[in-house]
C-alpha atoms as a PDB file:
ATOM      1  CA  UNK A   1     -12.889  22.173  27.555  1.00  0.00           C
ATOM      2  CA  UNK A   2     -11.284  23.061  30.840  1.00  0.00           C
ATOM      3  CA  UNK A   3      -7.502  22.982  31.325  1.00  0.00           C
ATOM      4  CA  UNK A   4      -5.994  20.872  33.977  1.00  0.00           C
ATOM      5  CA  UNK A   5      -3.469  22.403  36.416  1.00  0.00           C
ATOM      6  CA  UNK A   6       0.106  21.953  35.371  1.00  0.00           C
ATOM      7  CA  UNK A   7       0.969  19.733  38.227  1.00  0.00           C
ATOM      8  CA  UNK A   8      -1.937  17.336  37.611  1.00  0.00           C
ATOM      9  CA  UNK A   9      -1.025  13.787  36.724  1.00  0.00           C
ATOM     10  CA  UNK A  10      -3.443  13.857  33.939  1.00  0.00           C
ATOM     11  CA  UNK A  11      -2.288  17.144  32.235  1.00  0.00           C
ATOM     12  CA  UNK A  12      -0.339  15.314  29.357  1.00  0.00           C
ATOM     13  CA  UNK A  13      -2.294  12.171  29.209  1.00  0.00           C
ATOM     14  CA  UNK A  14      -2.091  10.648  25.844  1.00  0.00           C
ATOM     15  CA  UNK A  15       0.637  13.017  24.609  1.00  0.00           C
ATOM     16  CA  UNK A  16       4.149  11.807  24.085  1.00  0.00           C
ATOM     17  CA  UNK A  17       6.862  13.710  25.630  1.00  0.00           C
ATOM     18  CA  UNK A  18       8.888  13.728  22.333  1.00  0.00           C
ATOM     19  CA  UNK A  19       8.234  14.814  18.730  1.00  0.00           C
ATOM     20  CA  UNK A  20       7.115  12.473  16.066  1.00  0.00           C
ATOM     21  CA  UNK A  21      10.245  10.589  14.723  1.00  0.00           C
ATOM     22  CA  UNK A  22      11.396  11.031  11.323  1.00  0.00           C
ATOM     23  CA  UNK A  23      10.994   7.342  10.483  1.00  0.00           C
ATOM     24  CA  UNK A  24       7.189   7.850  11.170  1.00  0.00           C
ATOM     25  CA  UNK A  25       7.148  10.803   8.659  1.00  0.00           C
ATOM     26  CA  UNK A  26       9.125   8.830   6.201  1.00  0.00           C
ATOM     27  CA  UNK A  27       6.796   5.832   6.483  1.00  0.00           C
ATOM     28  CA  UNK A  28       3.917   8.157   5.988  1.00  0.00           C
ATOM     29  CA  UNK A  29       5.330   9.584   2.747  1.00  0.00           C
ATOM     30  CA  UNK A  30       6.297   5.945   1.561  1.00  0.00           C
ATOM     31  CA  UNK A  31       2.660   4.896   2.321  1.00  0.00           C
ATOM     32  CA  UNK A  32       1.313   7.956   0.324  1.00  0.00           C
ATOM     33  CA  UNK A  33       3.731   7.044  -2.445  1.00  0.00           C
ATOM     34  CA  UNK A  34       2.404   3.443  -2.357  1.00  0.00           C
ATOM     35  CA  UNK A  35      -1.236   4.653  -2.640  1.00  0.00           C
ATOM     36  CA  UNK A  36      -0.252   6.733  -5.810  1.00  0.00           C
ATOM     37  CA  UNK A  37       1.655   3.670  -7.123  1.00  0.00           C
ATOM     38  CA  UNK A  38      -1.394   1.498  -6.662  1.00  0.00           C
ATOM     39  CA  UNK A  39      -3.699   3.926  -8.489  1.00  0.00           C
ATOM     40  CA  UNK A  40      -1.178   4.437 -11.286  1.00  0.00           C
ATOM     41  CA  UNK A  41      -0.457   0.680 -11.561  1.00  0.00           C
ATOM     42  CA  UNK A  42      -4.142  -0.095 -11.889  1.00  0.00           C
ATOM     43  CA  UNK A  43      -4.749   2.589 -14.411  1.00  0.00           C
ATOM     44  CA  UNK A  44      -1.663   2.045 -16.579  1.00  0.00           C
ATOM     45  CA  UNK A  45      -1.018  -1.713 -16.331  1.00  0.00           C
ATOM     46  CA  UNK A  46      -4.613  -2.828 -15.998  1.00  0.00           C
ATOM     47  CA  UNK A  47      -6.683  -0.092 -17.097  1.00  0.00           C
ATOM     48  CA  UNK A  48      -6.623  -0.864 -20.887  1.00  0.00           C
ATOM     49  CA  UNK A  49      -8.209  -3.734 -22.668  1.00  0.00           C
ATOM     50  CA  UNK A  50      -5.230  -4.241 -24.964  1.00  0.00           C
ATOM     51  CA  UNK A  51      -2.867  -4.557 -21.920  1.00  0.00           C
ATOM     52  CA  UNK A  52      -5.183  -7.013 -20.175  1.00  0.00           C
ATOM     53  CA  UNK A  53      -5.405  -9.084 -23.479  1.00  0.00           C
ATOM     54  CA  UNK A  54      -1.622  -9.078 -23.886  1.00  0.00           C
ATOM     55  CA  UNK A  55      -1.107 -10.152 -20.254  1.00  0.00           C
ATOM     56  CA  UNK A  56      -3.567 -13.027 -20.609  1.00  0.00           C
ATOM     57  CA  UNK A  57      -1.953 -14.147 -23.779  1.00  0.00           C
ATOM     58  CA  UNK A  58       1.484 -14.152 -22.215  1.00  0.00           C
ATOM     59  CA  UNK A  59       0.201 -16.134 -19.226  1.00  0.00           C
ATOM     60  CA  UNK A  60      -1.492 -18.728 -21.300  1.00  0.00           C
ATOM     61  CA  UNK A  61       1.650 -19.110 -23.475  1.00  0.00           C
ATOM     62  CA  UNK A  62       3.895 -19.478 -20.463  1.00  0.00           C
ATOM     63  CA  UNK A  63       1.594 -22.321 -19.293  1.00  0.00           C
ATOM     64  CA  UNK A  64       1.730 -23.980 -22.670  1.00  0.00           C
ATOM     65  CA  UNK A  65      -1.974 -23.251 -23.330  1.00  0.00           C
ATOM     66  CA  UNK A  66      -3.707 -21.825 -26.300  1.00  0.00           C
ATOM     67  CA  UNK A  67      -5.178 -18.398 -25.562  1.00  0.00           C
ATOM     68  CA  UNK A  68      -9.003 -18.349 -25.876  1.00  0.00           C
ATOM     69  CA  UNK A  69      -9.849 -15.263 -27.758  1.00  0.00           C
ATOM     70  CA  UNK A  70     -13.534 -15.079 -26.546  1.00  0.00           C
ATOM     71  CA  UNK A  71     -12.448 -15.417 -22.853  1.00  0.00           C
ATOM     72  CA  UNK A  72      -9.778 -12.842 -23.442  1.00  0.00           C
ATOM     73  CA  UNK A  73     -12.364 -10.438 -25.049  1.00  0.00           C
ATOM     74  CA  UNK A  74     -14.734 -10.791 -22.105  1.00  0.00           C
ATOM     75  CA  UNK A  75     -12.286 -10.254 -19.420  1.00  0.00           C
ATOM     76  CA  UNK A  76     -10.710  -7.386 -21.364  1.00  0.00           C
ATOM     77  CA  UNK A  77     -13.956  -5.653 -21.485  1.00  0.00           C
ATOM     78  CA  UNK A  78     -14.838  -6.132 -17.884  1.00  0.00           C
ATOM     79  CA  UNK A  79     -11.544  -5.844 -15.909  1.00  0.00           C
ATOM     80  CA  UNK A  80     -10.313  -2.248 -16.814  1.00  0.00           C
ATOM     81  CA  UNK A  81     -13.171  -0.429 -15.072  1.00  0.00           C
ATOM     82  CA  UNK A  82     -12.898  -2.886 -12.171  1.00  0.00           C
ATOM     83  CA  UNK A  83      -9.165  -2.518 -11.829  1.00  0.00           C
ATOM     84  CA  UNK A  84      -9.220   1.320 -11.844  1.00  0.00           C
ATOM     85  CA  UNK A  85     -12.096   1.346  -9.235  1.00  0.00           C
ATOM     86  CA  UNK A  86     -10.143  -1.221  -7.176  1.00  0.00           C
ATOM     87  CA  UNK A  87      -6.915   0.870  -7.481  1.00  0.00           C
ATOM     88  CA  UNK A  88      -8.736   4.084  -6.372  1.00  0.00           C
ATOM     89  CA  UNK A  89     -10.360   2.244  -3.333  1.00  0.00           C
ATOM     90  CA  UNK A  90      -7.096   0.624  -2.237  1.00  0.00           C
ATOM     91  CA  UNK A  91      -5.370   3.862  -2.800  1.00  0.00           C
ATOM     92  CA  UNK A  92      -7.783   5.861  -0.629  1.00  0.00           C
ATOM     93  CA  UNK A  93      -7.406   3.231   2.185  1.00  0.00           C
ATOM     94  CA  UNK A  94      -3.631   3.474   2.232  1.00  0.00           C
ATOM     95  CA  UNK A  95      -4.113   7.324   2.616  1.00  0.00           C
ATOM     96  CA  UNK A  96      -6.599   6.931   5.359  1.00  0.00           C
ATOM     97  CA  UNK A  97      -4.362   4.427   7.338  1.00  0.00           C
ATOM     98  CA  UNK A  98      -1.313   6.527   6.641  1.00  0.00           C
ATOM     99  CA  UNK A  99      -3.023   9.693   8.088  1.00  0.00           C
ATOM    100  CA  UNK A 100      -4.110   7.658  11.140  1.00  0.00           C
ATOM    101  CA  UNK A 101      -0.724   6.088  11.625  1.00  0.00           C
ATOM    102  CA  UNK A 102       1.052   9.515  11.473  1.00  0.00           C
ATOM    103  CA  UNK A 103      -1.366  10.641  14.233  1.00  0.00           C
ATOM    104  CA  UNK A 104       0.088   7.912  16.384  1.00  0.00           C
ATOM    105  CA  UNK A 105      -2.586   5.302  16.028  1.00  0.00           C
ATOM    106  CA  UNK A 106      -0.953   1.793  16.559  1.00  0.00           C
ATOM    107  CA  UNK A 107      -3.806  -0.021  14.948  1.00  0.00           C
ATOM    108  CA  UNK A 108      -3.249   1.973  11.686  1.00  0.00           C
ATOM    109  CA  UNK A 109       0.369   0.978  11.805  1.00  0.00           C
ATOM    110  CA  UNK A 110      -0.490  -2.549  12.133  1.00  0.00           C
ATOM    111  CA  UNK A 111      -3.035  -2.330   9.236  1.00  0.00           C
ATOM    112  CA  UNK A 112      -0.451  -0.718   7.119  1.00  0.00           C
ATOM    113  CA  UNK A 113       2.122  -3.427   7.815  1.00  0.00           C
ATOM    114  CA  UNK A 114      -0.346  -6.084   6.882  1.00  0.00           C
ATOM    115  CA  UNK A 115      -1.224  -4.177   3.737  1.00  0.00           C
ATOM    116  CA  UNK A 116       2.410  -3.636   2.893  1.00  0.00           C
ATOM    117  CA  UNK A 117       3.086  -7.344   3.425  1.00  0.00           C
ATOM    118  CA  UNK A 118       0.344  -8.230   1.039  1.00  0.00           C
ATOM    119  CA  UNK A 119       1.733  -5.801  -1.537  1.00  0.00           C
ATOM    120  CA  UNK A 120       5.311  -7.160  -1.049  1.00  0.00           C
ATOM    121  CA  UNK A 121       3.968 -10.765  -1.628  1.00  0.00           C
ATOM    122  CA  UNK A 122       1.960  -9.729  -4.728  1.00  0.00           C
ATOM    123  CA  UNK A 123       4.793  -7.719  -6.295  1.00  0.00           C
ATOM    124  CA  UNK A 124       7.356 -10.498  -5.445  1.00  0.00           C
ATOM    125  CA  UNK A 125       4.906 -12.993  -7.072  1.00  0.00           C
ATOM    126  CA  UNK A 126       4.802 -10.927 -10.152  1.00  0.00           C
ATOM    127  CA  UNK A 127       8.561 -10.667 -10.367  1.00  0.00           C
ATOM    128  CA  UNK A 128       9.147 -14.436  -9.756  1.00  0.00           C
ATOM    129  CA  UNK A 129       6.591 -15.201 -12.452  1.00  0.00           C
ATOM    130  CA  UNK A 130       8.135 -12.695 -14.756  1.00  0.00           C
ATOM    131  CA  UNK A 131       4.898 -10.770 -15.133  1.00  0.00           C
ATOM    132  CA  UNK A 132       4.732  -6.930 -14.952  1.00  0.00           C
ATOM    133  CA  UNK A 133       8.351  -7.043 -13.472  1.00  0.00           C
ATOM    134  CA  UNK A 134       9.241  -3.527 -14.047  1.00  0.00           C
ATOM    135  CA  UNK A 135       5.820  -2.217 -12.987  1.00  0.00           C
ATOM    136  CA  UNK A 136       6.010  -4.192  -9.795  1.00  0.00           C
ATOM    137  CA  UNK A 137       9.410  -3.094  -8.487  1.00  0.00           C
ATOM    138  CA  UNK A 138       8.334   0.386  -7.219  1.00  0.00           C
ATOM    139  CA  UNK A 139       5.564  -1.118  -5.272  1.00  0.00           C
ATOM    140  CA  UNK A 140       7.946  -3.711  -3.798  1.00  0.00           C
ATOM    141  CA  UNK A 141      10.389  -1.128  -2.647  1.00  0.00           C
ATOM    142  CA  UNK A 142       7.735   1.312  -1.213  1.00  0.00           C
ATOM    143  CA  UNK A 143       5.803  -1.504   0.711  1.00  0.00           C
ATOM    144  CA  UNK A 144       8.971  -2.866   2.184  1.00  0.00           C
ATOM    145  CA  UNK A 145      10.060   0.677   3.217  1.00  0.00           C
ATOM    146  CA  UNK A 146       6.836   1.182   5.019  1.00  0.00           C
ATOM    147  CA  UNK A 147       7.136  -2.034   6.924  1.00  0.00           C
ATOM    148  CA  UNK A 148      10.679  -1.332   7.759  1.00  0.00           C
ATOM    149  CA  UNK A 149      10.374   2.198   8.897  1.00  0.00           C
ATOM    150  CA  UNK A 150       7.292   1.554  11.072  1.00  0.00           C
ATOM    151  CA  UNK A 151       9.253  -0.772  13.365  1.00  0.00           C
ATOM    152  CA  UNK A 152      12.354   1.122  13.807  1.00  0.00           C
ATOM    153  CA  UNK A 153      13.105   1.805  17.566  1.00  0.00           C
ATOM    154  CA  UNK A 154      12.123   5.537  17.474  1.00  0.00           C
ATOM    155  CA  UNK A 155       8.843   4.534  15.762  1.00  0.00           C
ATOM    156  CA  UNK A 156       8.208   1.814  18.405  1.00  0.00           C
ATOM    157  CA  UNK A 157       8.788   4.310  21.143  1.00  0.00           C
ATOM    158  CA  UNK A 158       6.350   6.776  19.563  1.00  0.00           C
ATOM    159  CA  UNK A 159       3.536   4.302  19.236  1.00  0.00           C
ATOM    160  CA  UNK A 160       4.148   2.961  22.725  1.00  0.00           C
ATOM    161  CA  UNK A 161       3.703   6.371  24.146  1.00  0.00           C
ATOM    162  CA  UNK A 162       0.411   7.065  22.414  1.00  0.00           C
END
């Protein structure tokens, strides 16, 4: 690739004139933390048949219903491998978008904020319903941090310059 002369108006095209802001780096690490959280959440909270069965029993009792042991057994057998696979795929997507966001891709920033909003709503829903409260709080904090950091003034300038 040939270098353009220093005085050329196209010499620095696409490169911002300032370094990546700390808020973008912090958002990157919060997104990586959220990716790890999703994988661990799916493995620990949803990855065992007994945890699924207990969660289903609690939900049925909170609704005033009688738990159906046959349904609980079927779901408990199916859901753990699905939940672990889901966690790995979602975690990998978070890492992919975080890497692209850190490189200055505004579309990745928007996707991360959409995913973070879904994560906040999911965690908040769990907390309000009293399900997996302790397990949901780290995800709530990390997802909210990603959204907040990605729209700070320095981050906005960084993505606008790209």
